[in-house]
Amino acid sequence: MHAVIRRYEGVTDPAEAGRRVNEEFLPLLRQVQGFVAYYFVDAGGGVMVSTSVFQDRAGAEESTERAGDYVRNRLAELLPNPPQVTAGEAVAHS
């Protein structure tokens, strides 16, 4: 399993960002080979964190590409700052 965590700061409208991600981005992400799970969390204070889980590294890398494209094209005004991205192999999970 591989996971990608993206931390977005300076989010201008978390509710609208969540709505768009749920309705538009998540269906795109589910098409990526090896998709396991996705969570988009409103951490408060203009911070949102996404966690994507895939069966392999290739799926995780593709998700990063799709996320970048989606944010640039559909969320730039809501997520104005580039995310901090952490990715790697899940060494423990349930």
C-alpha atoms as a PDB file:
ATOM      1  CA  MET A   1       0.000   0.000   0.000  1.00  0.00           C
ATOM      2  CA  HIS A   2       1.094   3.550  -0.755  1.00  0.00           C
ATOM      3  CA  ALA A   3      -0.293   6.769   0.666  1.00  0.00           C
ATOM      4  CA  VAL A   4      -0.106  10.409  -0.337  1.00  0.00           C
ATOM      5  CA  ILE A   5      -0.872  13.176   2.153  1.00  0.00           C
ATOM      6  CA  ARG A   6      -1.365  16.736   0.936  1.00  0.00           C
ATOM      7  CA  ARG A   7      -1.643  19.650   3.374  1.00  0.00           C
ATOM      8  CA  TYR A   8      -3.222  22.826   2.004  1.00  0.00           C
ATOM      9  CA  GLU A   9      -2.915  26.116   3.907  1.00  0.00           C
ATOM     10  CA  GLY A  10      -4.726  29.375   3.253  1.00  0.00           C
ATOM     11  CA  VAL A  11      -7.945  27.663   2.129  1.00  0.00           C
ATOM     12  CA  THR A  12     -10.509  30.408   1.499  1.00  0.00           C
ATOM     13  CA  ASP A  13     -13.731  28.351   1.573  1.00  0.00           C
ATOM     14  CA  PRO A  14     -13.382  24.851   3.044  1.00  0.00           C
ATOM     15  CA  ALA A  15     -17.051  23.948   2.546  1.00  0.00           C
ATOM     16  CA  GLU A  16     -16.975  24.775  -1.171  1.00  0.00           C
ATOM     17  CA  ALA A  17     -13.609  23.035  -1.600  1.00  0.00           C
ATOM     18  CA  GLY A  18     -15.036  19.939   0.053  1.00  0.00           C
ATOM     19  CA  ARG A  19     -18.130  20.018  -2.133  1.00  0.00           C
ATOM     20  CA  ARG A  20     -16.131  20.274  -5.348  1.00  0.00           C
ATOM     21  CA  VAL A  21     -13.672  17.581  -4.331  1.00  0.00           C
ATOM     22  CA  ASN A  22     -16.493  15.230  -3.386  1.00  0.00           C
ATOM     23  CA  GLU A  23     -18.527  15.846  -6.551  1.00  0.00           C
ATOM     24  CA  GLU A  24     -15.788  16.347  -9.149  1.00  0.00           C
ATOM     25  CA  PHE A  25     -12.363  15.121  -8.038  1.00  0.00           C
ATOM     26  CA  LEU A  26     -13.232  11.956  -6.165  1.00  0.00           C
ATOM     27  CA  PRO A  27     -14.892  10.350  -9.215  1.00  0.00           C
ATOM     28  CA  LEU A  28     -11.674  11.030 -11.185  1.00  0.00           C
ATOM     29  CA  LEU A  29      -9.531   9.565  -8.438  1.00  0.00           C
ATOM     30  CA  ARG A  30     -11.613   6.399  -8.221  1.00  0.00           C
ATOM     31  CA  GLN A  31     -10.626   5.689 -11.844  1.00  0.00           C
ATOM     32  CA  VAL A  32      -6.931   5.402 -10.929  1.00  0.00           C
ATOM     33  CA  GLN A  33      -5.725   1.798 -10.946  1.00  0.00           C
ATOM     34  CA  GLY A  34      -5.259   0.506  -7.402  1.00  0.00           C
ATOM     35  CA  PHE A  35      -7.451   3.115  -5.676  1.00  0.00           C
ATOM     36  CA  VAL A  36      -8.235   2.111  -2.080  1.00  0.00           C
ATOM     37  CA  ALA A  37      -9.432   5.198  -0.172  1.00  0.00           C
ATOM     38  CA  TYR A  38      -9.515   8.989  -0.078  1.00  0.00           C
ATOM     39  CA  TYR A  39     -10.210  11.443   2.756  1.00  0.00           C
ATOM     40  CA  PHE A  40     -10.354  15.261   2.637  1.00  0.00           C
ATOM     41  CA  VAL A  41     -10.300  16.794   6.111  1.00  0.00           C
ATOM     42  CA  ASP A  42     -11.084  20.339   7.213  1.00  0.00           C
ATOM     43  CA  ALA A  43      -8.480  20.813   9.953  1.00  0.00           C
ATOM     44  CA  GLY A  44      -9.688  24.345  10.748  1.00  0.00           C
ATOM     45  CA  GLY A  45      -7.879  27.631  10.511  1.00  0.00           C
ATOM     46  CA  GLY A  46      -7.778  27.540   6.703  1.00  0.00           C
ATOM     47  CA  VAL A  47      -6.011  24.172   6.635  1.00  0.00           C
ATOM     48  CA  MET A  48      -7.275  21.119   4.757  1.00  0.00           C
ATOM     49  CA  VAL A  49      -5.531  17.767   4.485  1.00  0.00           C
ATOM     50  CA  SER A  50      -6.128  15.030   1.929  1.00  0.00           C
ATOM     51  CA  THR A  51      -5.055  11.416   2.301  1.00  0.00           C
ATOM     52  CA  SER A  52      -5.074   9.072  -0.693  1.00  0.00           C
ATOM     53  CA  VAL A  53      -4.344   5.347  -0.426  1.00  0.00           C
ATOM     54  CA  PHE A  54      -3.441   3.086  -3.343  1.00  0.00           C
ATOM     55  CA  GLN A  55      -2.347  -0.497  -3.739  1.00  0.00           C
ATOM     56  CA  ASP A  56       0.933   0.532  -5.376  1.00  0.00           C
ATOM     57  CA  ARG A  57       3.308   3.413  -5.993  1.00  0.00           C
ATOM     58  CA  ALA A  58       2.152   3.952  -9.587  1.00  0.00           C
ATOM     59  CA  GLY A  59      -1.401   4.715  -8.460  1.00  0.00           C
ATOM     60  CA  ALA A  60      -0.157   7.068  -5.765  1.00  0.00           C
ATOM     61  CA  GLU A  61       2.005   8.938  -8.277  1.00  0.00           C
ATOM     62  CA  GLU A  62      -0.855   9.216 -10.750  1.00  0.00           C
ATOM     63  CA  SER A  63      -3.076  10.598  -7.993  1.00  0.00           C
ATOM     64  CA  THR A  64      -0.528  13.345  -7.344  1.00  0.00           C
ATOM     65  CA  GLU A  65      -0.578  14.321 -11.014  1.00  0.00           C
ATOM     66  CA  ARG A  66      -4.386  14.318 -11.134  1.00  0.00           C
ATOM     67  CA  ALA A  67      -4.628  16.312  -7.909  1.00  0.00           C
ATOM     68  CA  GLY A  68      -2.243  18.964  -9.209  1.00  0.00           C
ATOM     69  CA  ASP A  69      -4.167  19.325 -12.452  1.00  0.00           C
ATOM     70  CA  TYR A  70      -7.514  19.436 -10.662  1.00  0.00           C
ATOM     71  CA  VAL A  71      -6.428  22.050  -8.142  1.00  0.00           C
ATOM     72  CA  ARG A  72      -4.925  24.269 -10.861  1.00  0.00           C
ATOM     73  CA  ASN A  73      -8.038  24.021 -13.051  1.00  0.00           C
ATOM     74  CA  ARG A  74     -10.901  23.921 -10.530  1.00  0.00           C
ATOM     75  CA  LEU A  75      -9.724  24.984  -7.059  1.00  0.00           C
ATOM     76  CA  ALA A  76      -7.020  27.617  -7.511  1.00  0.00           C
ATOM     77  CA  GLU A  77      -9.145  30.375  -5.967  1.00  0.00           C
ATOM     78  CA  LEU A  78     -10.030  28.182  -2.964  1.00  0.00           C
ATOM     79  CA  LEU A  79      -6.625  26.537  -2.454  1.00  0.00           C
ATOM     80  CA  PRO A  80      -4.258  29.386  -3.410  1.00  0.00           C
ATOM     81  CA  ASN A  81      -1.057  27.871  -2.004  1.00  0.00           C
ATOM     82  CA  PRO A  82       0.787  24.769  -3.208  1.00  0.00           C
ATOM     83  CA  PRO A  83       0.368  21.826  -0.852  1.00  0.00           C
ATOM     84  CA  GLN A  84       2.985  20.190   1.305  1.00  0.00           C
ATOM     85  CA  VAL A  85       3.100  16.647  -0.082  1.00  0.00           C
ATOM     86  CA  THR A  86       4.228  13.563   1.808  1.00  0.00           C
ATOM     87  CA  ALA A  87       4.138  10.185   0.075  1.00  0.00           C
ATOM     88  CA  GLY A  88       5.416   6.727   0.727  1.00  0.00           C
ATOM     89  CA  GLU A  89       4.827   3.080   1.411  1.00  0.00           C
ATOM     90  CA  ALA A  90       2.458   2.239   4.239  1.00  0.00           C
ATOM     91  CA  VAL A  91       4.489   0.016   6.536  1.00  0.00           C
ATOM     92  CA  ALA A  92       1.573  -0.703   8.898  1.00  0.00           C
ATOM     93  CA  HIS A  93      -2.152  -0.624   8.220  1.00  0.00           C
ATOM     94  CA  SER A  94      -5.429  -2.321   9.046  1.00  0.00           C
END
